[in-house]
Amino acid sequence: MNESLSQRIKRLRKATGMSQAQLADACGWKSQSRVGNYEAGTREPTLADIAAMAAALGVDQSELLLSSAAVTEVSAPARSTTDLVRQMLAKSGKGIPEEARQRLLAAAEEPSASSVVAADFVRPGLVGDEVWIAHYDVRGAMGDGEVAHDFPEMLQDIRVSPTHLREMGVEFKEHFHLKLITGVGQSMAPTIKSRDPLVVDISIREFVGDGIYYFSHQGHQYIKRLQKKGRDHFKMISDNTNHPPEDIRVDETYIQARVLLVWNAHLV
């Protein structure tokens, strides 16, 4: 059975022997009620909060963000690949469409030199060749900056094909690092229009070269181009020429993700 985010937070906290108050303190939060709300599922943590909890618990962020279906190991060597695939589909394939199920079974029945089916049943969010990308209403500002909110609204998830994304030129290591956020404002037009959904990679938490980033600066969230300017500053650039570039300090800039694709299919 898949765990919810709240259940994973609680399980991982208990596994470390920490109380809610201790976890809150380790994350630099004033009240344990924040952790309590997350574990109760009454509030959704921000990506920054997930990163803080993962660091405090000594786990990778993916352990909090992802829910993997339990797959029971089958040790009987006499069983065929097709039988194993059928068993795995029965145990953890409820969300897989019938067409995808038939493709997997057909692949299992085809003879191959290795007798191994190239299908990953444990990767979270996997539905055939499609995955669900969580859509967070963080509303990074493409203007003067959006005030950071503690608890972003979870919008309807989007189903995409990682293979298709890569064919379009989107570069990423794991599909579960991808999330959707919303841009608001006109300063990044025409590349990004107001309220365009953006595919971002949350595993990129530092500057890795010129590009568009989702970041916070002095308590506000931005979606802007960043260029390194000397050792201590970034140049924050808007694609709309009516918005002049600004110099901001590196030590006051906290990168949350790198923008990979505008949902109108424009690579950035």
Protein backbone atom coordinates (compact mmCIF):
# COMPACT_ATOMS: atom_id res chain seq x y z
CA MET A 1 0.00 0.00 0.00
CA ASN A 2 1.38 3.43 -0.95
CA GLU A 3 2.09 5.87 1.85
CA SER A 4 0.96 9.46 1.81
CA LEU A 5 3.49 12.26 2.32
CA SER A 6 2.23 12.79 5.88
CA GLN A 7 2.69 9.09 6.69
CA ARG A 8 6.23 9.11 5.30
CA ILE A 9 7.19 12.13 7.39
CA LYS A 10 5.87 10.44 10.53
CA ARG A 11 7.49 7.07 9.77
CA LEU A 12 10.91 8.56 9.00
CA ARG A 13 10.79 10.81 12.07
CA LYS A 14 9.97 7.87 14.34
CA ALA A 15 12.68 5.78 12.71
CA THR A 16 15.26 8.35 13.86
CA GLY A 17 13.79 8.45 17.38
CA MET A 18 13.05 12.17 17.12
CA SER A 19 10.00 13.83 18.62
CA GLN A 20 7.96 16.37 16.65
CA ALA A 21 9.52 19.12 18.77
CA GLN A 22 13.04 17.86 18.08
CA LEU A 23 12.41 17.69 14.34
CA ALA A 24 10.96 21.19 14.33
CA ASP A 25 13.98 22.46 16.25
CA ALA A 26 16.39 20.72 13.87
CA CYS A 27 14.62 22.43 10.95
CA GLY A 28 14.85 25.83 12.65
CA TRP A 29 11.09 26.12 13.21
CA LYS A 30 9.65 27.70 16.32
CA SER A 31 6.76 25.31 16.92
CA GLN A 32 6.28 21.55 16.78
CA SER A 33 2.72 22.18 15.51
CA ARG A 34 4.18 22.71 12.07
CA VAL A 35 5.47 19.12 12.05
CA GLY A 36 2.18 17.98 13.59
CA ASN A 37 0.20 19.61 10.78
CA TYR A 38 2.41 17.96 8.17
CA GLU A 39 2.01 14.54 9.78
CA ALA A 40 -1.74 15.00 10.13
CA GLY A 41 -2.01 15.96 6.47
CA THR A 42 -3.76 19.23 7.25
CA ARG A 43 -0.95 21.24 5.66
CA GLU A 44 1.32 20.62 2.65
CA PRO A 45 5.03 21.34 3.20
CA THR A 46 6.86 23.55 0.75
CA LEU A 47 9.77 22.15 -1.24
CA ALA A 48 12.10 24.08 1.06
CA ASP A 49 10.46 22.51 4.13
CA ILE A 50 10.80 19.04 2.62
CA ALA A 51 14.50 19.75 2.03
CA ALA A 52 14.89 20.91 5.66
CA MET A 53 13.15 17.82 7.06
CA ALA A 54 15.17 15.49 4.82
CA ALA A 55 18.42 17.07 6.04
CA ALA A 56 17.30 16.85 9.68
CA LEU A 57 16.26 13.21 9.29
CA GLY A 58 19.39 12.29 7.38
CA VAL A 59 17.54 11.01 4.31
CA ASP A 60 17.35 11.97 0.66
CA GLN A 61 14.47 14.27 -0.29
CA SER A 62 13.16 11.54 -2.58
CA GLU A 63 12.36 9.37 0.47
CA LEU A 64 9.89 12.04 1.59
CA LEU A 65 8.58 13.01 -1.83
CA LEU A 66 8.07 9.57 -3.30
CA SER A 67 5.73 6.73 -2.61
CA SER A 68 6.88 3.34 -3.87
CA ALA A 69 4.67 0.33 -4.18
CA ALA A 70 5.85 -2.63 -2.18
CA VAL A 71 6.99 -5.45 -4.41
CA THR A 72 7.33 -8.90 -2.89
CA GLU A 73 10.39 -10.82 -3.94
CA VAL A 74 9.60 -14.09 -5.62
CA SER A 75 12.29 -16.70 -5.26
CA ALA A 76 10.79 -19.70 -7.08
CA PRO A 77 13.10 -20.17 -10.06
CA ALA A 78 10.70 -22.35 -11.98
CA ARG A 79 8.17 -19.60 -12.62
CA SER A 80 8.15 -17.89 -16.01
CA THR A 81 8.73 -14.18 -16.58
CA THR A 82 5.12 -13.84 -17.69
CA ASP A 83 3.91 -15.34 -14.39
CA LEU A 84 6.08 -12.93 -12.42
CA VAL A 85 4.79 -9.95 -14.41
CA ARG A 86 1.20 -11.07 -13.83
CA GLN A 87 1.86 -11.36 -10.11
CA MET A 88 3.44 -7.91 -9.92
CA LEU A 89 0.57 -6.38 -11.89
CA ALA A 90 -1.91 -8.00 -9.53
CA LYS A 91 -0.07 -6.72 -6.46
CA SER A 92 0.91 -3.20 -7.48
CA GLY A 93 -0.50 -2.43 -10.90
CA LYS A 94 -3.96 -1.09 -10.07
CA GLY A 95 -3.26 2.31 -11.64
CA ILE A 96 -1.80 0.92 -14.86
CA PRO A 97 -4.14 1.24 -17.86
CA GLU A 98 -5.23 -1.95 -19.59
CA GLU A 99 -3.31 -1.10 -22.76
CA ALA A 100 -0.07 -0.69 -20.80
CA ARG A 101 -0.73 -3.95 -18.93
CA GLN A 102 -1.10 -5.81 -22.20
CA ARG A 103 2.15 -4.29 -23.53
CA LEU A 104 4.02 -5.45 -20.44
CA LEU A 105 2.61 -8.96 -20.70
CA ALA A 106 3.41 -9.10 -24.41
CA ALA A 107 6.99 -7.99 -23.71
CA ALA A 108 7.31 -10.67 -21.03
CA GLU A 109 6.22 -13.38 -23.45
CA GLU A 110 8.78 -12.37 -26.11
CA PRO A 111 11.97 -14.47 -25.93
CA SER A 112 15.13 -12.54 -25.15
CA ALA A 113 18.74 -13.41 -24.51
CA SER A 114 18.62 -12.25 -20.93
CA SER A 115 15.03 -13.25 -20.08
CA VAL A 116 14.67 -9.89 -18.34
CA VAL A 117 11.75 -7.54 -18.97
CA ALA A 118 12.82 -3.91 -19.23
CA ALA A 119 10.06 -2.62 -16.98
CA ASP A 120 10.49 -0.88 -13.63
CA PHE A 121 7.71 -1.73 -11.18
CA VAL A 122 9.18 0.07 -8.21
CA ARG A 123 9.74 3.57 -9.53
CA PRO A 124 7.16 5.85 -7.94
CA GLY A 125 4.49 7.36 -10.15
CA LEU A 126 5.22 5.01 -13.04
CA VAL A 127 2.22 4.26 -15.26
CA GLY A 128 3.43 2.34 -18.29
CA ASP A 129 5.66 4.90 -20.01
CA GLU A 130 3.89 7.77 -18.24
CA VAL A 131 4.41 9.30 -14.80
CA TRP A 132 2.48 11.71 -12.63
CA ILE A 133 4.13 15.07 -11.93
CA ALA A 134 2.90 16.89 -8.83
CA HIS A 135 1.67 20.44 -9.54
CA TYR A 136 2.33 22.93 -6.73
CA ASP A 137 0.66 26.34 -6.68
CA VAL A 138 3.77 28.17 -5.48
CA ARG A 139 3.27 31.01 -7.95
CA GLY A 140 6.87 32.05 -8.35
CA ALA A 141 6.79 35.65 -9.47
CA MET A 142 8.04 36.86 -12.82
CA GLY A 143 7.93 40.46 -11.66
CA ASP A 144 8.64 42.12 -8.33
CA GLY A 145 8.58 38.87 -6.36
CA GLU A 146 5.83 36.82 -4.76
CA VAL A 147 5.73 36.67 -0.96
CA ALA A 148 6.70 33.14 0.12
CA HIS A 149 3.85 31.08 1.55
CA ASP A 150 4.41 28.28 4.04
CA PHE A 151 1.86 25.89 2.59
CA PRO A 152 1.34 25.83 -1.20
CA GLU A 153 -1.86 24.43 -2.60
CA MET A 154 -1.58 21.05 -4.33
CA LEU A 155 -3.15 21.29 -7.79
CA GLN A 156 -4.17 18.42 -10.05
CA ASP A 157 -1.20 16.24 -11.00
CA ILE A 158 -0.13 16.06 -14.64
CA ARG A 159 0.65 12.80 -16.44
CA VAL A 160 3.58 12.89 -18.87
CA SER A 161 5.94 10.53 -20.66
CA PRO A 162 9.60 10.83 -19.56
CA THR A 163 10.63 9.37 -22.92
CA HIS A 164 8.71 12.09 -24.75
CA LEU A 165 10.21 14.80 -22.53
CA ARG A 166 13.71 13.59 -23.33
CA GLU A 167 12.88 13.46 -27.03
CA MET A 168 11.90 17.14 -26.74
CA GLY A 169 15.34 17.89 -25.31
CA VAL A 170 14.45 18.10 -21.60
CA GLU A 171 17.43 16.85 -19.60
CA PHE A 172 16.90 15.24 -16.17
CA LYS A 173 18.22 12.26 -14.22
CA GLU A 174 15.06 10.89 -12.56
CA HIS A 175 11.42 11.60 -13.36
CA PHE A 176 10.56 11.95 -9.67
CA HIS A 177 12.76 15.05 -9.49
CA LEU A 178 10.28 16.82 -11.79
CA LYS A 179 7.48 19.02 -10.45
CA LEU A 180 5.16 21.66 -11.87
CA ILE A 181 4.92 25.20 -10.55
CA THR A 182 3.07 28.28 -11.82
CA GLY A 183 4.63 31.53 -12.97
CA VAL A 184 2.80 34.83 -12.45
CA GLY A 185 3.62 38.15 -14.13
CA GLN A 186 4.89 39.43 -17.46
CA SER A 187 8.59 40.06 -16.87
CA MET A 188 9.65 36.73 -18.44
CA ALA A 189 7.50 37.17 -21.57
CA PRO A 190 7.62 36.08 -24.30
CA THR A 191 9.48 32.98 -23.01
CA ILE A 192 7.10 32.46 -20.11
CA LYS A 193 3.63 33.99 -20.05
CA SER A 194 1.73 34.72 -16.85
CA ARG A 195 0.29 31.57 -15.23
CA ASP A 196 2.17 29.21 -17.53
CA PRO A 197 2.84 25.90 -15.75
CA LEU A 198 6.58 25.18 -15.60
CA VAL A 199 8.38 21.86 -15.34
CA VAL A 200 11.18 22.22 -12.80
CA ASP A 201 13.89 19.90 -11.46
CA ILE A 202 13.92 20.08 -7.65
CA SER A 203 17.19 18.15 -7.40
CA ILE A 204 19.01 21.25 -8.66
CA ARG A 205 19.46 23.37 -5.53
CA GLU A 206 22.47 25.41 -6.58
CA PHE A 207 23.65 27.42 -9.55
CA VAL A 208 24.78 25.05 -12.31
CA GLY A 209 25.16 27.57 -15.11
CA ASP A 210 23.16 30.29 -16.83
CA GLY A 211 19.47 29.47 -16.99
CA ILE A 212 16.03 30.12 -15.52
CA TYR A 213 15.65 29.22 -11.86
CA TYR A 214 12.94 29.21 -9.22
CA PHE A 215 14.52 30.82 -6.16
CA SER A 216 13.85 32.89 -3.08
CA HIS A 217 15.56 36.18 -2.31
CA GLN A 218 14.91 38.32 0.76
CA GLY A 219 11.65 36.54 1.57
CA HIS A 220 10.24 36.62 -1.97
CA GLN A 221 10.01 33.92 -4.63
CA TYR A 222 11.14 34.53 -8.20
CA ILE A 223 11.31 32.83 -11.56
CA LYS A 224 14.10 34.60 -13.43
CA ARG A 225 17.25 34.01 -15.39
CA LEU A 226 20.39 33.95 -13.28
CA GLN A 227 23.93 34.65 -14.41
CA LYS A 228 26.97 34.65 -12.17
CA LYS A 229 28.49 38.13 -11.79
CA GLY A 230 31.82 37.93 -10.04
CA ARG A 231 32.18 35.88 -6.91
CA ASP A 232 29.47 37.33 -4.71
CA HIS A 233 26.60 38.31 -7.00
CA PHE A 234 24.08 36.98 -9.47
CA LYS A 235 22.62 39.06 -12.26
CA MET A 236 18.83 38.53 -12.13
CA ILE A 237 17.53 38.92 -15.68
CA SER A 238 14.02 39.27 -17.10
CA ASP A 239 13.34 38.28 -20.71
CA ASN A 240 10.94 41.24 -21.01
CA THR A 241 13.20 44.16 -21.96
CA ASN A 242 10.95 46.55 -20.02
CA HIS A 243 12.34 45.03 -16.82
CA PRO A 244 16.02 45.93 -16.30
CA PRO A 245 18.40 43.35 -14.79
CA GLU A 246 19.32 43.53 -11.11
CA ASP A 247 22.36 42.44 -9.14
CA ILE A 248 21.55 40.26 -6.13
CA ARG A 249 23.86 38.68 -3.55
CA VAL A 250 24.66 34.98 -3.86
CA ASP A 251 24.46 34.47 -0.08
CA GLU A 252 20.92 35.90 -0.02
CA THR A 253 19.69 33.75 -2.91
CA TYR A 254 18.28 30.28 -2.25
CA ILE A 255 17.72 28.20 -5.37
CA GLN A 256 14.76 25.81 -5.07
CA ALA A 257 14.74 24.32 -8.58
CA ARG A 258 15.80 24.89 -12.17
CA VAL A 259 13.13 25.52 -14.80
CA LEU A 260 13.40 23.00 -17.66
CA LEU A 261 10.28 23.48 -19.74
CA VAL A 262 7.33 25.80 -20.11
CA TRP A 263 4.13 23.76 -20.38
CA ASN A 264 3.45 25.42 -23.73
CA ALA A 265 6.34 23.17 -24.89
CA HIS A 266 9.01 25.89 -24.93
CA LEU A 267 12.38 24.65 -23.76
CA VAL A 268 14.29 27.04 -21.55
